[in-house]
């Protein structure tokens, strides 16, 4: 590279030491902006002492008006209105997350795959909260606090409260809905 110099606005001589192309196209070309976004809602409910496994709460995910959640008998899939009515005996918070349409479709496909797989409930490795955390993390939304796990890349052992705290802090969180007990 030949010695190239320019004068700065204050009169200082500057020498070119290198060039780096940071964009694959010229600056004057229009750049695509993805505005194809939609939302999903993660619903976290209070614990219930009389229900085995539900002492720590329950987590479900609403994708397009259908709520998916892992229960002791397997996956539960209901219409949003029915789910909220059936769970009106306890307080719940819904965290609305912004996602791209393709991410929403990926979440729904993964939830349907899990229903077909029929993997049995396990409080530590296949619970309501670990399932939702796994699905969210498959599209890049952090859903567990990696500081508290033996294997930070794993969502094993995610509690409903931990999941709620982490996703509320996400840059994708749009709002929180309160569903008080009736």
N, C-alpha and C. Protein backbone atom coordinates (compact mmCIF):
# COMPACT_ATOMS: atom_id res chain seq x y z
N UNK A 1 0.86 -1.17 0.00
CA UNK A 1 0.00 0.00 0.00
C UNK A 1 0.90 1.23 0.00
N UNK A 2 0.64 2.13 -0.92
CA UNK A 2 1.45 3.35 -1.03
C UNK A 2 1.16 4.25 0.16
N UNK A 3 2.15 5.06 0.52
CA UNK A 3 1.98 5.99 1.62
C UNK A 3 0.95 7.04 1.23
N UNK A 4 -0.21 7.01 1.89
CA UNK A 4 -1.26 7.98 1.61
C UNK A 4 -1.46 8.83 2.86
N UNK A 5 -1.54 10.11 2.64
CA UNK A 5 -1.78 11.02 3.76
C UNK A 5 -2.93 11.96 3.43
N UNK A 6 -3.60 12.40 4.49
CA UNK A 6 -4.65 13.42 4.35
C UNK A 6 -4.48 14.40 5.49
N UNK A 7 -5.08 15.56 5.33
CA UNK A 7 -5.05 16.58 6.37
C UNK A 7 -6.39 16.53 7.11
N UNK A 8 -6.32 16.51 8.44
CA UNK A 8 -7.53 16.54 9.26
C UNK A 8 -8.07 17.96 9.27
N UNK A 9 -9.33 18.17 9.70
CA UNK A 9 -9.90 19.53 9.74
C UNK A 9 -9.08 20.50 10.59
N UNK A 10 -8.35 19.99 11.59
CA UNK A 10 -7.55 20.90 12.42
C UNK A 10 -6.12 21.05 11.90
N UNK A 11 -5.84 20.51 10.69
CA UNK A 11 -4.54 20.71 10.06
C UNK A 11 -3.51 19.63 10.32
N UNK A 12 -3.86 18.60 11.09
CA UNK A 12 -2.91 17.53 11.40
C UNK A 12 -2.79 16.59 10.20
N UNK A 13 -1.58 16.13 9.91
CA UNK A 13 -1.37 15.18 8.83
C UNK A 13 -1.62 13.77 9.34
N UNK A 14 -2.50 13.05 8.65
CA UNK A 14 -2.85 11.67 9.03
C UNK A 14 -2.38 10.73 7.93
N UNK A 15 -1.84 9.58 8.31
CA UNK A 15 -1.35 8.60 7.35
C UNK A 15 -2.26 7.37 7.37
N UNK A 16 -2.68 6.89 6.20
CA UNK A 16 -3.50 5.69 6.08
C UNK A 16 -2.65 4.48 6.42
N UNK A 17 -3.12 3.68 7.37
CA UNK A 17 -2.36 2.48 7.76
C UNK A 17 -3.08 1.19 7.37
N UNK A 18 -4.33 1.26 7.00
CA UNK A 18 -5.03 0.05 6.58
C UNK A 18 -6.46 0.35 6.16
N UNK A 19 -7.04 -0.59 5.41
CA UNK A 19 -8.43 -0.48 4.98
C UNK A 19 -9.14 -1.79 5.32
N UNK A 20 -10.35 -1.66 5.79
CA UNK A 20 -11.16 -2.84 6.09
C UNK A 20 -12.55 -2.59 5.53
N UNK A 21 -13.06 -3.54 4.75
CA UNK A 21 -14.42 -3.44 4.24
C UNK A 21 -15.34 -4.09 5.27
N UNK A 22 -16.25 -3.30 5.84
CA UNK A 22 -17.09 -3.82 6.92
C UNK A 22 -18.48 -4.23 6.47
N UNK A 23 -18.90 -3.84 5.29
CA UNK A 23 -20.21 -4.26 4.78
C UNK A 23 -20.03 -4.91 3.42
N UNK A 24 -20.87 -5.90 3.11
CA UNK A 24 -20.72 -6.61 1.84
C UNK A 24 -21.19 -5.81 0.62
N UNK A 25 -21.79 -4.64 0.84
CA UNK A 25 -22.28 -3.84 -0.27
C UNK A 25 -22.01 -2.36 0.00
N UNK A 26 -22.20 -1.57 -1.02
CA UNK A 26 -21.94 -0.13 -0.90
C UNK A 26 -22.92 0.51 0.08
N UNK A 27 -22.47 1.58 0.72
CA UNK A 27 -23.30 2.25 1.71
C UNK A 27 -24.55 2.89 1.13
N UNK A 28 -24.56 3.17 -0.18
CA UNK A 28 -25.71 3.85 -0.76
C UNK A 28 -26.83 2.89 -1.18
N UNK A 29 -26.59 1.58 -1.06
CA UNK A 29 -27.64 0.61 -1.39
C UNK A 29 -28.59 0.43 -0.22
N UNK A 30 -29.88 0.23 -0.50
CA UNK A 30 -30.81 0.00 0.61
C UNK A 30 -30.48 -1.32 1.31
N UNK A 31 -30.57 -1.32 2.62
CA UNK A 31 -30.29 -2.52 3.40
C UNK A 31 -31.60 -3.09 3.91
N UNK A 32 -31.75 -4.41 3.87
CA UNK A 32 -33.02 -5.01 4.32
C UNK A 32 -33.18 -4.87 5.84
N UNK A 33 -34.40 -4.58 6.24
CA UNK A 33 -34.74 -4.53 7.66
C UNK A 33 -35.92 -5.47 7.86
N UNK A 34 -35.75 -6.43 8.77
CA UNK A 34 -36.81 -7.40 9.02
C UNK A 34 -37.82 -6.80 9.99
N UNK A 35 -39.02 -6.52 9.49
CA UNK A 35 -40.09 -6.00 10.34
C UNK A 35 -41.18 -7.04 10.54
N UNK A 36 -40.91 -8.25 10.14
CA UNK A 36 -41.87 -9.34 10.22
C UNK A 36 -41.85 -9.93 11.64
N UNK A 37 -42.42 -9.20 12.60
CA UNK A 37 -42.41 -9.71 13.96
C UNK A 37 -43.82 -9.91 14.48
N UNK A 38 -43.92 -10.78 15.45
CA UNK A 38 -45.17 -11.12 16.10
C UNK A 38 -44.84 -11.38 17.56
N UNK A 39 -45.76 -11.93 18.30
CA UNK A 39 -45.48 -12.20 19.72
C UNK A 39 -45.93 -13.59 20.12
N UNK A 40 -45.34 -14.06 21.21
CA UNK A 40 -45.77 -15.25 21.93
C UNK A 40 -45.88 -14.82 23.39
N UNK A 41 -46.51 -15.63 24.22
CA UNK A 41 -46.61 -15.29 25.64
C UNK A 41 -46.27 -16.49 26.49
N UNK A 42 -45.38 -16.28 27.44
CA UNK A 42 -45.02 -17.32 28.41
C UNK A 42 -45.83 -17.01 29.66
N UNK A 43 -46.64 -17.98 30.10
CA UNK A 43 -47.51 -17.79 31.26
C UNK A 43 -46.94 -18.59 32.43
N UNK A 44 -46.62 -17.87 33.50
CA UNK A 44 -46.04 -18.49 34.70
C UNK A 44 -47.05 -18.35 35.83
N UNK A 45 -47.44 -19.49 36.39
CA UNK A 45 -48.46 -19.51 37.45
C UNK A 45 -47.84 -19.83 38.80
N UNK A 46 -48.49 -19.35 39.86
CA UNK A 46 -48.06 -19.61 41.23
C UNK A 46 -48.09 -21.10 41.54
N UNK A 47 -47.33 -21.47 42.56
CA UNK A 47 -47.29 -22.85 43.02
C UNK A 47 -48.58 -23.26 43.69
N UNK A 48 -48.71 -24.56 43.85
CA UNK A 48 -49.90 -25.13 44.47
C UNK A 48 -49.48 -26.34 45.29
N UNK A 49 -49.56 -26.24 46.59
CA UNK A 49 -49.04 -27.29 47.48
C UNK A 49 -49.74 -28.63 47.31
N UNK A 50 -51.01 -28.63 46.97
CA UNK A 50 -51.73 -29.90 46.90
C UNK A 50 -51.50 -30.66 45.59
N UNK A 51 -50.79 -30.08 44.65
CA UNK A 51 -50.51 -30.76 43.38
C UNK A 51 -49.06 -31.19 43.32
N UNK A 52 -48.83 -32.47 43.18
CA UNK A 52 -47.47 -33.00 43.12
C UNK A 52 -46.71 -32.39 41.93
N UNK A 53 -45.56 -31.82 42.21
CA UNK A 53 -44.75 -31.21 41.16
C UNK A 53 -45.09 -29.77 40.88
N UNK A 54 -46.28 -29.34 41.30
CA UNK A 54 -46.71 -27.97 41.04
C UNK A 54 -46.45 -27.04 42.22
N UNK A 55 -45.71 -27.54 43.20
CA UNK A 55 -45.41 -26.72 44.38
C UNK A 55 -44.59 -25.49 44.00
N UNK A 56 -43.83 -25.56 42.94
CA UNK A 56 -42.96 -24.46 42.53
C UNK A 56 -43.60 -23.59 41.46
N UNK A 57 -44.78 -23.96 41.02
CA UNK A 57 -45.48 -23.19 40.00
C UNK A 57 -45.64 -23.99 38.71
N UNK A 58 -46.13 -23.31 37.70
CA UNK A 58 -46.35 -23.96 36.40
C UNK A 58 -46.03 -22.95 35.30
N UNK A 59 -45.53 -23.47 34.19
CA UNK A 59 -45.20 -22.63 33.04
C UNK A 59 -45.84 -23.22 31.79
N UNK A 60 -46.42 -22.35 30.98
CA UNK A 60 -46.99 -22.75 29.70
C UNK A 60 -46.65 -21.65 28.70
N UNK A 61 -46.83 -21.95 27.43
CA UNK A 61 -46.48 -20.98 26.39
C UNK A 61 -47.63 -20.88 25.38
N UNK A 62 -48.06 -19.65 25.13
CA UNK A 62 -49.14 -19.37 24.19
C UNK A 62 -48.54 -19.01 22.84
N UNK A 63 -48.85 -19.83 21.85
CA UNK A 63 -48.38 -19.59 20.49
C UNK A 63 -49.62 -19.50 19.60
N UNK A 64 -49.94 -18.29 19.20
CA UNK A 64 -51.06 -18.08 18.30
C UNK A 64 -52.41 -18.48 18.86
N UNK A 65 -52.62 -18.33 20.17
CA UNK A 65 -53.91 -18.64 20.77
C UNK A 65 -54.04 -20.07 21.27
N UNK A 66 -52.99 -20.87 21.11
CA UNK A 66 -52.96 -22.22 21.64
C UNK A 66 -51.90 -22.26 22.73
N UNK A 67 -52.27 -22.78 23.90
CA UNK A 67 -51.36 -22.83 25.03
C UNK A 67 -50.84 -24.25 25.19
N UNK A 68 -49.51 -24.37 25.24
CA UNK A 68 -48.83 -25.65 25.40
C UNK A 68 -48.15 -25.67 26.77
N UNK A 69 -48.26 -26.79 27.47
CA UNK A 69 -47.58 -26.92 28.74
C UNK A 69 -47.38 -28.39 29.09
N UNK A 70 -46.26 -28.70 29.68
CA UNK A 70 -45.97 -30.06 30.11
C UNK A 70 -46.63 -30.29 31.46
N UNK A 71 -47.38 -31.38 31.59
CA UNK A 71 -48.02 -31.75 32.85
C UNK A 71 -47.60 -33.17 33.20
N UNK A 72 -48.00 -33.64 34.37
CA UNK A 72 -47.61 -34.98 34.82
C UNK A 72 -48.10 -36.08 33.87
N UNK A 73 -49.23 -35.85 33.24
CA UNK A 73 -49.79 -36.86 32.34
C UNK A 73 -49.29 -36.70 30.90
N UNK A 74 -48.43 -35.73 30.66
CA UNK A 74 -47.92 -35.47 29.32
C UNK A 74 -48.21 -34.04 28.91
N UNK A 75 -48.02 -33.76 27.65
CA UNK A 75 -48.26 -32.40 27.17
C UNK A 75 -49.73 -32.06 27.18
N UNK A 76 -50.00 -30.82 27.57
CA UNK A 76 -51.34 -30.26 27.59
C UNK A 76 -51.40 -29.21 26.50
N UNK A 77 -52.44 -29.27 25.68
CA UNK A 77 -52.60 -28.31 24.59
C UNK A 77 -54.06 -27.86 24.60
N UNK A 78 -54.28 -26.56 24.83
CA UNK A 78 -55.64 -26.03 24.92
C UNK A 78 -55.72 -24.65 24.28
N UNK A 79 -56.94 -24.26 24.00
CA UNK A 79 -57.18 -22.89 23.54
C UNK A 79 -56.86 -21.93 24.69
N UNK A 80 -56.35 -20.77 24.37
CA UNK A 80 -55.94 -19.79 25.37
C UNK A 80 -57.05 -19.48 26.37
N UNK A 81 -58.27 -19.23 25.89
CA UNK A 81 -59.37 -18.88 26.78
C UNK A 81 -59.68 -20.01 27.76
N UNK A 82 -59.64 -21.25 27.29
CA UNK A 82 -59.89 -22.40 28.16
C UNK A 82 -58.75 -22.55 29.17
N UNK A 83 -57.51 -22.39 28.72
CA UNK A 83 -56.37 -22.51 29.64
C UNK A 83 -56.47 -21.49 30.77
N UNK A 84 -56.73 -20.23 30.42
CA UNK A 84 -56.82 -19.18 31.44
C UNK A 84 -57.99 -19.42 32.39
N UNK A 85 -59.12 -19.88 31.86
CA UNK A 85 -60.28 -20.17 32.72
C UNK A 85 -59.97 -21.35 33.65
N UNK A 86 -59.33 -22.39 33.11
CA UNK A 86 -59.02 -23.58 33.91
C UNK A 86 -57.97 -23.29 34.98
N UNK A 87 -57.16 -22.26 34.81
CA UNK A 87 -56.11 -21.91 35.76
C UNK A 87 -56.43 -20.65 36.56
N UNK A 88 -57.70 -20.27 36.59
CA UNK A 88 -58.09 -19.04 37.28
C UNK A 88 -58.06 -19.18 38.80
N UNK A 89 -57.78 -20.39 39.32
CA UNK A 89 -57.70 -20.60 40.77
C UNK A 89 -56.35 -20.14 41.34
N UNK A 90 -55.42 -19.72 40.46
CA UNK A 90 -54.13 -19.23 40.96
C UNK A 90 -53.67 -18.02 40.16
N UNK A 91 -52.83 -17.22 40.79
CA UNK A 91 -52.28 -16.03 40.13
C UNK A 91 -51.29 -16.46 39.06
N UNK A 92 -51.32 -15.73 37.94
CA UNK A 92 -50.37 -16.00 36.86
C UNK A 92 -49.88 -14.68 36.27
N UNK A 93 -48.68 -14.72 35.73
CA UNK A 93 -48.12 -13.60 34.98
C UNK A 93 -47.79 -14.09 33.59
N UNK A 94 -48.12 -13.28 32.60
CA UNK A 94 -47.77 -13.60 31.23
C UNK A 94 -46.74 -12.62 30.72
N UNK A 95 -45.63 -13.13 30.21
CA UNK A 95 -44.60 -12.26 29.64
C UNK A 95 -44.70 -12.39 28.12
N UNK A 96 -45.03 -11.29 27.47
CA UNK A 96 -45.17 -11.25 26.02
C UNK A 96 -43.79 -10.99 25.43
N UNK A 97 -43.38 -11.87 24.52
CA UNK A 97 -42.07 -11.77 23.89
C UNK A 97 -42.22 -11.52 22.40
N UNK A 98 -41.41 -10.61 21.87
CA UNK A 98 -41.39 -10.33 20.43
C UNK A 98 -40.53 -11.38 19.74
N UNK A 99 -41.07 -11.98 18.69
CA UNK A 99 -40.33 -12.97 17.90
C UNK A 99 -40.62 -12.73 16.43
N UNK A 100 -39.73 -13.21 15.59
CA UNK A 100 -39.98 -13.17 14.15
C UNK A 100 -41.01 -14.25 13.81
N UNK A 101 -41.73 -14.07 12.74
CA UNK A 101 -42.75 -15.04 12.33
C UNK A 101 -42.13 -16.43 12.16
N UNK A 102 -40.95 -16.49 11.57
CA UNK A 102 -40.30 -17.78 11.37
C UNK A 102 -39.91 -18.43 12.70
N UNK A 103 -39.55 -17.62 13.71
CA UNK A 103 -39.25 -18.16 15.04
C UNK A 103 -40.51 -18.71 15.70
N UNK A 104 -41.61 -18.00 15.52
CA UNK A 104 -42.89 -18.45 16.08
C UNK A 104 -43.28 -19.81 15.48
N UNK A 105 -43.09 -19.94 14.17
CA UNK A 105 -43.39 -21.21 13.51
C UNK A 105 -42.47 -22.32 14.01
N UNK A 106 -41.20 -22.00 14.23
CA UNK A 106 -40.25 -22.99 14.75
C UNK A 106 -40.65 -23.44 16.15
N UNK A 107 -41.08 -22.50 16.98
CA UNK A 107 -41.53 -22.84 18.34
C UNK A 107 -42.72 -23.79 18.27
N UNK A 108 -43.70 -23.45 17.44
CA UNK A 108 -44.89 -24.29 17.33
C UNK A 108 -44.55 -25.68 16.81
N UNK A 109 -43.67 -25.76 15.82
CA UNK A 109 -43.26 -27.07 15.29
C UNK A 109 -42.56 -27.89 16.36
N UNK A 110 -41.71 -27.25 17.16
CA UNK A 110 -40.99 -27.97 18.22
C UNK A 110 -41.95 -28.45 19.31
N UNK A 111 -42.92 -27.63 19.66
CA UNK A 111 -43.90 -28.04 20.66
C UNK A 111 -44.74 -29.22 20.15
N UNK A 112 -45.15 -29.17 18.91
CA UNK A 112 -45.91 -30.28 18.32
C UNK A 112 -45.06 -31.55 18.26
N UNK A 113 -43.76 -31.41 17.96
CA UNK A 113 -42.85 -32.56 17.95
C UNK A 113 -42.77 -33.18 19.33
N UNK A 114 -42.69 -32.34 20.35
CA UNK A 114 -42.62 -32.84 21.73
C UNK A 114 -43.90 -33.57 22.13
N UNK A 115 -45.03 -33.09 21.68
CA UNK A 115 -46.29 -33.78 21.95
C UNK A 115 -46.26 -35.17 21.33
N UNK A 116 -45.83 -35.25 20.06
CA UNK A 116 -45.76 -36.56 19.38
C UNK A 116 -44.77 -37.49 20.05
N UNK A 117 -43.65 -36.95 20.54
CA UNK A 117 -42.62 -37.78 21.17
C UNK A 117 -43.14 -38.43 22.46
N UNK A 118 -43.98 -37.74 23.19
CA UNK A 118 -44.58 -38.30 24.39
C UNK A 118 -43.60 -38.65 25.51
N UNK A 119 -42.52 -37.92 25.62
CA UNK A 119 -41.53 -38.18 26.67
C UNK A 119 -42.18 -37.95 28.03
N UNK A 120 -42.01 -38.89 28.97
CA UNK A 120 -42.67 -38.75 30.27
C UNK A 120 -42.15 -37.56 31.09
N UNK A 121 -43.02 -37.03 31.93
CA UNK A 121 -42.70 -35.91 32.81
C UNK A 121 -41.59 -36.30 33.78
N UNK A 122 -40.67 -35.35 34.00
CA UNK A 122 -39.62 -35.53 34.99
C UNK A 122 -39.39 -34.16 35.61
N UNK A 123 -39.49 -34.07 36.92
CA UNK A 123 -39.41 -32.79 37.62
C UNK A 123 -38.15 -32.00 37.29
N UNK A 124 -37.02 -32.70 37.07
CA UNK A 124 -35.76 -32.01 36.84
C UNK A 124 -35.46 -31.83 35.35
N UNK A 125 -35.67 -32.86 34.55
CA UNK A 125 -35.20 -32.80 33.16
C UNK A 125 -36.29 -32.65 32.11
N UNK A 126 -37.56 -32.85 32.47
CA UNK A 126 -38.63 -32.75 31.47
C UNK A 126 -39.90 -32.22 32.15
N UNK A 127 -39.77 -31.05 32.76
CA UNK A 127 -40.90 -30.43 33.44
C UNK A 127 -41.51 -29.34 32.57
N UNK A 128 -42.52 -28.69 33.10
CA UNK A 128 -43.16 -27.60 32.35
C UNK A 128 -42.16 -26.48 32.06
N UNK A 129 -41.35 -26.14 33.06
CA UNK A 129 -40.43 -25.01 32.87
C UNK A 129 -39.22 -25.38 32.01
N UNK A 130 -38.69 -26.61 32.15
CA UNK A 130 -37.54 -26.99 31.32
C UNK A 130 -37.95 -27.09 29.85
N UNK A 131 -39.17 -27.54 29.58
CA UNK A 131 -39.64 -27.61 28.20
C UNK A 131 -39.75 -26.23 27.57
N UNK A 132 -40.35 -25.29 28.29
CA UNK A 132 -40.49 -23.94 27.75
C UNK A 132 -39.10 -23.30 27.58
N UNK A 133 -38.22 -23.51 28.57
CA UNK A 133 -36.86 -22.95 28.46
C UNK A 133 -36.14 -23.52 27.25
N UNK A 134 -36.22 -24.83 27.04
CA UNK A 134 -35.56 -25.46 25.89
C UNK A 134 -36.08 -24.89 24.57
N UNK A 135 -37.39 -24.73 24.46
CA UNK A 135 -37.99 -24.24 23.23
C UNK A 135 -37.58 -22.78 22.98
N UNK A 136 -37.61 -21.96 24.03
CA UNK A 136 -37.20 -20.55 23.86
C UNK A 136 -35.74 -20.47 23.47
N UNK A 137 -34.91 -21.26 24.10
CA UNK A 137 -33.48 -21.19 23.81
C UNK A 137 -33.15 -21.75 22.43
N UNK A 138 -34.04 -22.56 21.86
CA UNK A 138 -33.80 -23.07 20.50
C UNK A 138 -33.87 -21.94 19.47
N UNK A 139 -34.51 -20.81 19.82
CA UNK A 139 -34.54 -19.66 18.91
C UNK A 139 -33.70 -18.50 19.43
N UNK A 140 -32.90 -18.76 20.45
CA UNK A 140 -31.96 -17.75 20.92
C UNK A 140 -32.43 -16.84 22.04
N UNK A 141 -33.52 -17.19 22.73
CA UNK A 141 -33.98 -16.40 23.87
C UNK A 141 -33.51 -17.10 25.14
N UNK A 142 -32.64 -16.44 25.89
CA UNK A 142 -32.13 -17.01 27.14
C UNK A 142 -33.30 -17.18 28.11
N UNK A 143 -33.41 -18.38 28.70
CA UNK A 143 -34.54 -18.67 29.58
C UNK A 143 -34.11 -19.29 30.90
N UNK A 144 -32.83 -19.30 31.17
CA UNK A 144 -32.33 -19.77 32.46
C UNK A 144 -31.10 -18.95 32.82
N UNK A 145 -30.77 -18.94 34.08
CA UNK A 145 -29.60 -18.20 34.53
C UNK A 145 -28.42 -19.17 34.55
N UNK A 146 -27.49 -19.03 33.61
CA UNK A 146 -26.39 -20.00 33.51
C UNK A 146 -25.46 -20.01 34.72
N UNK A 147 -25.53 -19.02 35.59
CA UNK A 147 -24.67 -18.99 36.77
C UNK A 147 -25.05 -20.07 37.79
N UNK A 148 -26.28 -20.59 37.71
CA UNK A 148 -26.75 -21.50 38.75
C UNK A 148 -26.76 -22.97 38.33
N UNK A 149 -26.17 -23.29 37.20
CA UNK A 149 -26.18 -24.67 36.73
C UNK A 149 -24.79 -25.26 36.73
N UNK A 150 -24.72 -26.56 36.92
CA UNK A 150 -23.43 -27.25 36.83
C UNK A 150 -22.95 -27.27 35.38
N UNK A 151 -23.88 -27.38 34.45
CA UNK A 151 -23.57 -27.36 33.02
C UNK A 151 -24.26 -26.14 32.42
N UNK A 152 -23.58 -25.00 32.30
CA UNK A 152 -24.23 -23.76 31.88
C UNK A 152 -24.96 -23.80 30.53
N UNK A 153 -24.62 -24.73 29.66
CA UNK A 153 -25.31 -24.80 28.37
C UNK A 153 -26.59 -25.62 28.48
N UNK A 154 -26.92 -26.10 29.66
CA UNK A 154 -28.07 -26.97 29.87
C UNK A 154 -29.19 -26.23 30.57
N UNK A 155 -30.43 -26.57 30.24
CA UNK A 155 -31.57 -25.98 30.93
C UNK A 155 -32.13 -26.95 31.96
N UNK A 156 -31.44 -28.02 32.27
CA UNK A 156 -31.92 -28.99 33.25
C UNK A 156 -32.07 -28.28 34.60
N UNK A 157 -33.22 -28.45 35.21
CA UNK A 157 -33.45 -27.90 36.53
C UNK A 157 -33.93 -26.46 36.57
N UNK A 158 -34.49 -25.95 35.51
CA UNK A 158 -35.00 -24.58 35.49
C UNK A 158 -36.33 -24.53 36.23
N UNK A 159 -36.42 -23.66 37.22
CA UNK A 159 -37.68 -23.51 37.95
C UNK A 159 -38.55 -22.45 37.27
N UNK A 160 -39.87 -22.49 37.50
CA UNK A 160 -40.73 -21.46 36.93
C UNK A 160 -40.31 -20.04 37.33
N UNK A 161 -39.91 -19.87 38.59
CA UNK A 161 -39.51 -18.53 39.05
C UNK A 161 -38.25 -18.05 38.32
N UNK A 162 -37.27 -18.94 38.17
CA UNK A 162 -36.04 -18.57 37.47
C UNK A 162 -36.34 -18.18 36.03
N UNK A 163 -37.15 -18.99 35.36
CA UNK A 163 -37.52 -18.69 33.97
C UNK A 163 -38.21 -17.33 33.88
N UNK A 164 -39.13 -17.06 34.80
CA UNK A 164 -39.83 -15.77 34.81
C UNK A 164 -38.86 -14.60 34.97
N UNK A 165 -37.96 -14.70 35.92
CA UNK A 165 -37.00 -13.62 36.16
C UNK A 165 -36.14 -13.36 34.93
N UNK A 166 -35.66 -14.42 34.30
CA UNK A 166 -34.76 -14.27 33.15
C UNK A 166 -35.48 -13.69 31.94
N UNK A 167 -36.67 -14.21 31.61
CA UNK A 167 -37.34 -13.71 30.40
C UNK A 167 -37.89 -12.30 30.59
N UNK A 168 -38.22 -11.92 31.83
CA UNK A 168 -38.67 -10.54 32.06
C UNK A 168 -37.56 -9.54 31.76
N UNK A 169 -36.31 -9.98 31.87
CA UNK A 169 -35.16 -9.12 31.60
C UNK A 169 -34.73 -9.15 30.14
N UNK A 170 -35.35 -9.99 29.35
CA UNK A 170 -34.99 -10.13 27.93
C UNK A 170 -35.31 -8.85 27.18
N UNK A 171 -34.48 -8.54 26.19
CA UNK A 171 -34.75 -7.39 25.32
C UNK A 171 -35.97 -7.65 24.44
N UNK A 172 -36.40 -8.91 24.39
CA UNK A 172 -37.58 -9.24 23.59
C UNK A 172 -38.88 -9.10 24.37
N UNK A 173 -38.80 -8.88 25.67
CA UNK A 173 -40.01 -8.73 26.49
C UNK A 173 -40.70 -7.42 26.10
N UNK A 174 -41.97 -7.53 25.72
CA UNK A 174 -42.75 -6.38 25.27
C UNK A 174 -43.60 -5.84 26.42
N UNK A 175 -44.25 -6.74 27.14
CA UNK A 175 -45.09 -6.34 28.27
C UNK A 175 -45.37 -7.56 29.14
N UNK A 176 -45.93 -7.28 30.32
CA UNK A 176 -46.32 -8.33 31.25
C UNK A 176 -47.81 -8.22 31.50
N UNK A 177 -48.51 -9.34 31.38
CA UNK A 177 -49.94 -9.39 31.66
C UNK A 177 -50.16 -10.04 33.02
N UNK A 178 -51.05 -9.48 33.81
CA UNK A 178 -51.38 -10.02 35.12
C UNK A 178 -52.71 -10.78 35.01
N UNK A 179 -52.71 -12.04 35.43
CA UNK A 179 -53.92 -12.85 35.45
C UNK A 179 -54.20 -13.22 36.91
N UNK A 180 -54.91 -12.35 37.65
CA UNK A 180 -55.13 -12.62 39.07
C UNK A 180 -56.11 -13.78 39.28
N UNK A 181 -55.94 -14.42 40.43
CA UNK A 181 -56.82 -15.52 40.84
C UNK A 181 -58.26 -14.98 40.95
N UNK A 182 -59.22 -15.81 40.59
CA UNK A 182 -60.63 -15.41 40.72
C UNK A 182 -61.30 -16.20 41.79
